[in-house]
């Protein structure tokens, strides 16, 4: 019965994507990208003789977690080809030309026939699933072919379907996975409670990724010129709900602001350009910088992780909506972090940094002003920044543990 409902869900999901495609660009890209996918895979793998490591990421966030593993894997296993798949257009469309992957595809929809065809064509020596995305038919087919399956940077909570009384079908999916590298001790205990012993607390590979960012950050001379001698707050992954709290604070502050909306050319950009009272320049026009601008509005992608390096403070968006975005990119630069107080509890780093004093969850504009005053003092600013920098440094190393395990099951 559970399998019937699973099949029904995947069919209705595909139908919903098809119905939405004329009106939604993301749905349209998801359909178009999978059209002729097996012909593309067959053609591109036709002359491949090397062994393949298959990495799967749901979207861009999971890719950033998997990226340090992929790059180390390429170094440690040079004879292997890396095949990378994405479920979501927001991952594939941004990283389809990622130079550390030899092949990049959309993951074909999960079905018995697709899984058999994909696994037969790719014939991976190992399959590495990043964080989530436990697809029944793919994992069952890999398991039946005795292909090692690793789950990395995974995190589990009691309220997930795998651990419900009605979730035995989904728990069985997890039990087919060879090894879990989980983010925290609570996840390991939860797996063990449900009969899964093959796990290790490795931590979150995002720490390794953000630590690399500091060493390889993009230098942006024009952003440096915009900053000048002013203090700057970088507002990353901003949503309209965040601007409801920020706009008055921004307009009355003597700081400068760099705003990176979550969606380029979306509602945030319109709000800042139409309702902001301070002189604003788009990043695409930064060559025209006069020196009098007070707000820099980012209208391209790929810069946020480097932009935090020009900030004295960071505000990270998303927590007033679907969920807090990545705060580690800001933390690694050693700056205090603010975010909304509605939806951050699932992110361990947010809770940890609040407790350590490097981050603050705020409920409204009044609380933002009050909490900001706490960090205006130079000493308080430095202490909070050092807390965040040390937190990232102390939690690196997950990639090493995963690669060490790969060395025990694969031949370099």
Protein backbone atom coordinates (compact mmCIF):
# COMPACT_ATOMS: atom_id res chain seq x y z
CA UNK A 1 0.00 0.00 0.00
CA UNK A 2 2.82 2.42 0.89
CA UNK A 3 4.48 1.74 -2.46
CA UNK A 4 1.19 2.52 -4.20
CA UNK A 5 0.98 5.90 -2.46
CA UNK A 6 4.65 6.59 -3.22
CA UNK A 7 4.08 5.90 -6.93
CA UNK A 8 0.94 8.03 -6.87
CA UNK A 9 2.80 10.90 -5.23
CA UNK A 10 5.60 10.88 -7.80
CA UNK A 11 3.08 10.73 -10.67
CA UNK A 12 0.97 13.58 -9.28
CA UNK A 13 4.11 15.62 -8.60
CA UNK A 14 5.18 15.28 -12.22
CA UNK A 15 1.66 16.19 -13.33
CA UNK A 16 1.73 19.28 -11.12
CA UNK A 17 5.07 20.32 -12.64
CA UNK A 18 3.62 19.86 -16.13
CA UNK A 19 0.50 21.90 -15.30
CA UNK A 20 2.59 24.68 -13.74
CA UNK A 21 5.18 24.82 -16.55
CA UNK A 22 3.35 27.35 -18.77
CA UNK A 23 3.25 29.80 -15.87
CA UNK A 24 6.34 28.97 -13.80
CA UNK A 25 9.88 29.20 -15.17
CA UNK A 26 11.29 26.77 -12.61
CA UNK A 27 8.72 24.11 -13.52
CA UNK A 28 9.32 24.77 -17.22
CA UNK A 29 13.07 24.24 -16.81
CA UNK A 30 12.51 21.05 -14.78
CA UNK A 31 10.51 19.56 -17.65
CA UNK A 32 12.69 20.82 -20.48
CA UNK A 33 15.89 19.71 -18.76
CA UNK A 34 14.64 16.13 -18.47
CA UNK A 35 13.38 15.91 -22.02
CA UNK A 36 15.59 13.41 -23.86
CA UNK A 37 17.71 12.94 -20.74
CA UNK A 38 18.53 9.28 -21.40
CA UNK A 39 19.61 10.02 -24.96
CA UNK A 40 21.92 12.73 -23.57
CA UNK A 41 23.38 10.39 -20.95
CA UNK A 42 23.88 7.61 -23.49
CA UNK A 43 25.67 9.93 -25.91
CA UNK A 44 27.92 11.60 -23.38
CA UNK A 45 28.95 8.32 -21.69
CA UNK A 46 29.37 6.41 -24.96
CA UNK A 47 33.18 6.48 -24.98
CA UNK A 48 33.76 6.59 -21.24
CA UNK A 49 35.99 3.81 -19.93
CA UNK A 50 36.67 5.23 -16.46
CA UNK A 51 34.96 4.27 -13.23
CA UNK A 52 32.24 6.69 -12.13
CA UNK A 53 31.37 8.22 -8.77
CA UNK A 54 27.80 9.47 -8.76
CA UNK A 55 27.00 12.49 -6.57
CA UNK A 56 23.40 13.61 -6.20
CA UNK A 57 22.22 16.96 -4.82
CA UNK A 58 18.65 18.18 -4.55
CA UNK A 59 19.51 21.78 -5.26
CA UNK A 60 22.14 24.49 -4.96
CA UNK A 61 22.34 24.41 -1.16
CA UNK A 62 23.06 20.69 -1.10
CA UNK A 63 25.60 21.18 -3.89
CA UNK A 64 27.52 23.62 -1.68
CA UNK A 65 27.61 20.91 0.99
CA UNK A 66 28.76 18.29 -1.49
CA UNK A 67 31.25 20.51 -3.29
CA UNK A 68 34.21 20.05 -0.90
CA UNK A 69 33.74 16.27 -1.10
CA UNK A 70 33.61 16.31 -4.90
CA UNK A 71 36.75 18.42 -5.14
CA UNK A 72 38.68 16.26 -2.68
CA UNK A 73 37.39 13.13 -4.41
CA UNK A 74 38.80 14.37 -7.72
CA UNK A 75 42.18 14.85 -6.06
CA UNK A 76 42.26 11.54 -4.19
CA UNK A 77 40.71 9.43 -6.96
CA UNK A 78 42.03 10.90 -10.24
CA UNK A 79 41.11 7.78 -12.22
CA UNK A 80 37.41 8.26 -11.48
CA UNK A 81 34.96 10.41 -13.39
CA UNK A 82 32.49 12.44 -11.34
CA UNK A 83 28.86 12.38 -12.45
CA UNK A 84 26.68 14.99 -10.74
CA UNK A 85 22.88 15.08 -10.79
CA UNK A 86 20.40 17.64 -9.54
CA UNK A 87 16.70 17.36 -8.87
CA UNK A 88 15.96 21.08 -8.96
CA UNK A 89 16.56 23.67 -11.69
CA UNK A 90 17.95 26.05 -9.07
CA UNK A 91 20.89 23.66 -8.72
CA UNK A 92 21.30 22.39 -12.27
CA UNK A 93 20.91 25.71 -14.09
CA UNK A 94 23.56 27.37 -11.91
CA UNK A 95 26.07 24.51 -11.83
CA UNK A 96 25.57 22.69 -15.14
CA UNK A 97 29.03 23.85 -16.23
CA UNK A 98 30.77 23.04 -12.94
CA UNK A 99 34.32 22.21 -13.97
CA UNK A 100 35.02 19.61 -11.28
CA UNK A 101 32.25 17.33 -12.55
CA UNK A 102 32.79 15.37 -15.75
CA UNK A 103 29.06 14.90 -16.36
CA UNK A 104 26.16 16.98 -15.03
CA UNK A 105 22.51 16.03 -15.55
CA UNK A 106 19.04 16.46 -14.17
CA UNK A 107 18.07 13.34 -12.24
CA UNK A 108 15.38 11.50 -14.23
CA UNK A 109 12.10 11.18 -12.33
CA UNK A 110 12.11 8.39 -9.77
CA UNK A 111 10.44 5.31 -11.20
CA UNK A 112 11.34 1.64 -11.42
CA UNK A 113 12.16 1.78 -15.13
CA UNK A 114 14.08 5.06 -14.92
CA UNK A 115 16.15 3.85 -12.00
CA UNK A 116 17.07 0.61 -13.75
CA UNK A 117 17.96 2.41 -16.97
CA UNK A 118 19.98 5.13 -15.23
CA UNK A 119 21.99 2.78 -13.02
CA UNK A 120 22.70 0.48 -15.97
CA UNK A 121 23.93 3.39 -18.14
CA UNK A 122 26.01 5.08 -15.46
CA UNK A 123 27.18 1.93 -13.66
CA UNK A 124 28.59 3.92 -10.70
CA UNK A 125 31.20 2.45 -8.39
CA UNK A 126 29.73 4.51 -5.55
CA UNK A 127 26.65 6.71 -5.11
CA UNK A 128 26.86 9.66 -2.73
CA UNK A 129 23.63 11.42 -1.77
CA UNK A 130 24.07 14.82 -0.15
CA UNK A 131 21.92 15.58 2.92
CA UNK A 132 18.45 14.49 1.76
CA UNK A 133 16.87 13.12 -1.43
CA UNK A 134 16.32 9.47 -0.58
CA UNK A 135 14.52 8.24 -3.71
CA UNK A 136 13.00 4.78 -3.32
CA UNK A 137 13.57 3.27 -6.76
CA UNK A 138 17.09 4.63 -7.22
CA UNK A 139 18.26 3.44 -3.84
CA UNK A 140 16.58 0.07 -4.26
CA UNK A 141 18.24 -0.44 -7.66
CA UNK A 142 21.67 0.59 -6.36
CA UNK A 143 21.25 -1.73 -3.40
CA UNK A 144 20.22 -4.63 -5.62
CA UNK A 145 23.38 -4.12 -7.69
CA UNK A 146 25.56 -4.04 -4.51
CA UNK A 147 26.74 -0.52 -5.35
CA UNK A 148 27.84 1.31 -2.17
CA UNK A 149 25.48 4.12 -1.18
CA UNK A 150 26.67 6.89 1.13
CA UNK A 151 24.60 9.62 2.72
CA UNK A 152 26.71 12.65 3.64
CA UNK A 153 25.96 15.74 5.75
CA UNK A 154 22.61 14.16 6.57
CA UNK A 155 20.61 15.31 9.55
CA UNK A 156 17.56 13.61 11.03
CA UNK A 157 14.75 14.68 13.36
CA UNK A 158 12.04 12.61 15.11
CA UNK A 159 9.27 14.41 13.20
CA UNK A 160 10.48 13.12 9.81
CA UNK A 161 8.34 10.48 8.09
CA UNK A 162 11.05 7.79 8.35
CA UNK A 163 10.53 7.60 12.11
CA UNK A 164 6.74 7.71 12.27
CA UNK A 165 4.62 4.64 12.97
CA UNK A 166 3.27 4.90 9.41
CA UNK A 167 6.71 5.48 7.90
CA UNK A 168 8.11 1.93 7.72
CA UNK A 169 8.25 2.06 3.91
CA UNK A 170 10.46 5.15 4.09
CA UNK A 171 12.60 3.79 6.92
CA UNK A 172 13.31 0.78 4.69
CA UNK A 173 14.77 3.18 2.12
CA UNK A 174 17.25 4.39 4.73
CA UNK A 175 18.13 0.83 5.73
CA UNK A 176 19.39 0.14 2.20
CA UNK A 177 22.04 2.86 2.52
CA UNK A 178 25.49 1.51 3.34
CA UNK A 179 26.75 4.34 5.51
CA UNK A 180 25.59 7.65 6.94
CA UNK A 181 27.89 10.56 7.75
CA UNK A 182 25.55 12.60 9.91
CA UNK A 183 25.88 16.16 11.11
CA UNK A 184 25.23 15.63 14.80
CA UNK A 185 25.01 13.14 17.63
CA UNK A 186 21.21 13.41 17.83
CA UNK A 187 20.90 12.11 14.25
CA UNK A 188 23.12 9.13 15.00
CA UNK A 189 21.13 8.26 18.13
CA UNK A 190 17.87 8.51 16.20
CA UNK A 191 19.12 6.18 13.47
CA UNK A 192 20.36 3.67 16.05
CA UNK A 193 17.01 3.79 17.83
CA UNK A 194 15.43 2.60 14.57
CA UNK A 195 17.91 -0.16 13.89
CA UNK A 196 20.46 1.66 11.72
CA UNK A 197 23.94 1.25 13.19
CA UNK A 198 26.06 2.14 10.16
CA UNK A 199 26.63 5.83 10.88
CA UNK A 200 29.28 8.24 12.08
CA UNK A 201 29.11 11.82 13.34
CA UNK A 202 31.24 13.67 10.79
CA UNK A 203 29.75 17.14 11.02
CA UNK A 204 28.59 19.39 8.23
CA UNK A 205 30.74 19.71 5.11
CA UNK A 206 29.47 23.28 4.72
CA UNK A 207 32.07 24.26 7.32
CA UNK A 208 34.79 22.94 5.05
CA UNK A 209 33.26 24.78 2.12
CA UNK A 210 33.00 28.15 3.84
CA UNK A 211 36.51 27.81 5.24
CA UNK A 212 37.72 27.45 1.64
CA UNK A 213 35.75 30.53 0.64
CA UNK A 214 37.89 32.82 2.78
CA UNK A 215 41.06 31.50 1.17
CA UNK A 216 39.63 31.76 -2.35
CA UNK A 217 37.33 34.77 -2.07
CA UNK A 218 36.82 37.04 -5.05
CA UNK A 219 38.41 40.45 -4.63
CA UNK A 220 35.93 43.10 -5.72
CA UNK A 221 37.75 46.45 -5.99
CA UNK A 222 34.60 48.39 -6.82
CA UNK A 223 32.85 47.00 -3.74
CA UNK A 224 35.88 48.05 -1.71
CA UNK A 225 35.53 51.52 -3.22
CA UNK A 226 31.80 51.56 -2.34
CA UNK A 227 32.62 50.64 1.26
CA UNK A 228 35.25 53.32 1.66
CA UNK A 229 35.75 54.10 5.36
CA UNK A 230 32.14 53.37 6.32
CA UNK A 231 30.79 50.48 8.30
CA UNK A 232 28.74 48.16 6.12
CA UNK A 233 25.96 45.68 6.75
CA UNK A 234 25.64 42.93 4.14
CA UNK A 235 22.06 41.71 3.78
CA UNK A 236 22.26 38.28 2.19
CA UNK A 237 19.50 36.15 0.62
CA UNK A 238 16.97 38.89 1.30
CA UNK A 239 13.20 38.34 1.04
CA UNK A 240 10.42 40.96 1.13
CA UNK A 241 9.56 39.85 4.68
CA UNK A 242 13.09 40.79 5.74
CA UNK A 243 12.78 44.22 4.17
CA UNK A 244 9.61 44.82 6.22
CA UNK A 245 11.91 44.80 9.25
CA UNK A 246 14.95 46.40 7.65
CA UNK A 247 13.77 49.32 5.50
CA UNK A 248 13.23 51.92 8.22
CA UNK A 249 16.44 50.87 9.99
CA UNK A 250 18.36 51.18 6.72
CA UNK A 251 16.95 54.58 5.83
CA UNK A 252 17.80 56.04 9.23
CA UNK A 253 21.26 54.47 9.67
CA UNK A 254 24.57 56.14 8.88
CA UNK A 255 25.98 52.79 7.71
CA UNK A 256 26.13 51.64 4.12
CA UNK A 257 24.28 48.51 2.99
CA UNK A 258 24.95 45.79 0.45
CA UNK A 259 21.74 43.94 -0.40
CA UNK A 260 21.76 40.58 -2.18
CA UNK A 261 18.12 39.54 -2.85
CA UNK A 262 17.29 35.84 -2.83
CA UNK A 263 15.67 36.28 -6.24
CA UNK A 264 17.40 38.51 -8.75
CA UNK A 265 15.01 41.05 -10.31
CA UNK A 266 12.32 39.94 -7.88
CA UNK A 267 10.15 41.80 -5.38
CA UNK A 268 13.08 42.79 -3.14
CA UNK A 269 14.76 44.71 -5.92
CA UNK A 270 11.53 46.58 -6.66
CA UNK A 271 11.04 47.48 -2.98
CA UNK A 272 14.58 48.81 -2.55
CA UNK A 273 14.51 50.82 -5.77
CA UNK A 274 10.99 52.20 -5.29
CA UNK A 275 10.75 52.64 -1.51
CA UNK A 276 14.33 53.18 -0.37
CA UNK A 277 15.19 56.81 0.37
CA UNK A 278 18.96 56.46 0.17
CA UNK A 279 21.09 56.72 -2.96
CA UNK A 280 21.24 53.22 -4.47
CA UNK A 281 23.31 51.71 -7.25
CA UNK A 282 22.89 48.35 -8.95
CA UNK A 283 25.95 46.12 -9.06
CA UNK A 284 25.56 45.88 -12.83
CA UNK A 285 26.19 49.64 -12.93
CA UNK A 286 29.00 49.69 -10.39
CA UNK A 287 31.51 51.04 -12.92
CA UNK A 288 29.50 54.26 -12.70
CA UNK A 289 30.09 54.50 -8.93
CA UNK A 290 30.34 58.16 -7.91
CA UNK A 291 31.26 57.73 -4.25
CA UNK A 292 27.98 59.13 -2.92
CA UNK A 293 26.03 55.87 -3.01
CA UNK A 294 24.85 54.41 0.30
CA UNK A 295 23.16 51.18 -0.88
CA UNK A 296 24.63 48.63 -3.29
CA UNK A 297 21.94 46.35 -4.71
CA UNK A 298 23.28 43.09 -6.15
CA UNK A 299 21.59 42.05 -9.38
CA UNK A 300 23.63 38.97 -10.28
CA UNK A 301 24.47 35.62 -8.67
CA UNK A 302 27.62 34.06 -7.29
CA UNK A 303 28.99 36.98 -5.28
CA UNK A 304 27.37 36.71 -1.86
CA UNK A 305 30.03 34.53 -0.24
CA UNK A 306 32.67 37.11 -1.19
CA UNK A 307 30.52 40.13 -0.36
CA UNK A 308 30.34 39.15 3.31
CA UNK A 309 34.07 39.84 3.41
CA UNK A 310 33.31 43.56 2.99
CA UNK A 311 30.82 43.64 5.84
CA UNK A 312 31.12 44.67 9.46
CA UNK A 313 27.73 43.12 10.16
CA UNK A 314 25.52 40.62 8.36
CA UNK A 315 21.81 40.13 8.16
CA UNK A 316 20.84 36.76 6.64
CA UNK A 317 17.35 36.41 5.23
CA UNK A 318 14.76 33.67 5.01
CA UNK A 319 13.89 33.08 8.64
CA UNK A 320 10.69 35.14 8.44
CA UNK A 321 9.58 32.78 5.66
CA UNK A 322 10.45 29.26 4.54
CA UNK A 323 13.70 29.02 6.47
CA UNK A 324 16.98 30.72 7.31
CA UNK A 325 19.60 30.79 4.58
CA UNK A 326 23.29 29.97 5.04
CA UNK A 327 24.78 31.96 7.93
CA UNK A 328 28.13 30.16 7.87
CA UNK A 329 29.35 32.16 4.88
CA UNK A 330 29.03 35.29 7.01
CA UNK A 331 30.33 33.65 10.21
CA UNK A 332 33.59 32.57 8.62
CA UNK A 333 34.51 36.24 8.04
CA UNK A 334 34.13 36.96 11.74
CA UNK A 335 31.21 39.40 11.75
CA UNK A 336 28.08 39.48 13.96
CA UNK A 337 24.95 38.05 12.35
CA UNK A 338 21.29 39.03 12.59
CA UNK A 339 18.29 37.07 11.27
CA UNK A 340 14.57 36.70 11.83
CA UNK A 341 13.21 34.72 14.77
CA UNK A 342 10.47 32.73 13.01
CA UNK A 343 12.11 29.80 11.24
CA UNK A 344 15.71 29.12 12.21
CA UNK A 345 15.38 26.33 14.80
CA UNK A 346 16.21 23.53 12.34
CA UNK A 347 19.65 25.01 11.76
CA UNK A 348 22.10 23.90 14.44
CA UNK A 349 24.60 26.61 13.57
CA UNK A 350 22.00 29.32 14.20
CA UNK A 351 21.19 27.97 17.65
CA UNK A 352 24.88 27.47 18.47
CA UNK A 353 25.88 30.99 17.44
CA UNK A 354 23.00 32.55 19.36
CA UNK A 355 24.13 30.70 22.48
CA UNK A 356 27.75 31.69 21.89
CA UNK A 357 26.87 35.34 21.38
CA UNK A 358 27.84 35.71 17.74
CA UNK A 359 24.32 35.86 16.29
CA UNK A 360 20.95 37.33 17.21
CA UNK A 361 17.43 36.35 16.19
CA UNK A 362 15.20 39.44 16.03
CA UNK A 363 11.42 39.66 15.89
CA UNK A 364 10.92 43.18 14.53
CA UNK A 365 12.53 46.52 13.74
CA UNK A 366 12.54 47.67 17.38
CA UNK A 367 14.45 44.60 18.49
CA UNK A 368 16.86 44.97 15.57
CA UNK A 369 17.71 48.51 16.67
CA UNK A 370 18.15 47.42 20.28
CA UNK A 371 20.33 44.41 19.46
CA UNK A 372 22.39 46.38 16.96
CA UNK A 373 23.36 48.87 19.65
CA UNK A 374 24.91 45.98 21.58
CA UNK A 375 27.42 45.50 18.75
CA UNK A 376 28.23 49.13 18.02
CA UNK A 377 31.01 49.07 20.61
CA UNK A 378 34.29 48.09 18.92
CA UNK A 379 35.21 45.55 21.60
CA UNK A 380 31.79 43.85 21.47
CA UNK A 381 32.04 43.78 17.69
CA UNK A 382 35.42 42.06 17.81
CA UNK A 383 34.37 39.51 20.44
CA UNK A 384 31.25 38.47 18.51
CA UNK A 385 33.27 38.27 15.30
CA UNK A 386 35.93 36.07 16.88
CA UNK A 387 33.24 33.76 18.29
CA UNK A 388 31.87 33.21 14.80
CA UNK A 389 35.26 32.78 13.17
CA UNK A 390 36.35 30.21 15.80
CA UNK A 391 33.05 28.33 15.50
CA UNK A 392 33.62 27.69 11.80
CA UNK A 393 37.26 26.74 12.35
CA UNK A 394 36.43 24.30 15.16
CA UNK A 395 33.84 22.46 13.07
CA UNK A 396 35.81 21.75 9.90
CA UNK A 397 37.00 18.26 8.99
CA UNK A 398 33.87 16.40 7.80
CA UNK A 399 35.26 16.07 4.28
CA UNK A 400 38.38 14.29 5.56
CA UNK A 401 36.28 11.68 7.35
CA UNK A 402 34.16 10.97 4.28
CA UNK A 403 37.13 10.71 1.93
CA UNK A 404 38.94 8.42 4.38
CA UNK A 405 35.93 6.09 4.29
CA UNK A 406 35.87 6.18 0.49
CA UNK A 407 39.49 5.03 0.52
CA UNK A 408 38.44 1.88 2.39
CA UNK A 409 35.81 0.91 -0.20
CA UNK A 410 37.31 2.19 -3.46
CA UNK A 411 40.59 1.75 -5.23
CA UNK A 412 42.29 5.08 -6.04
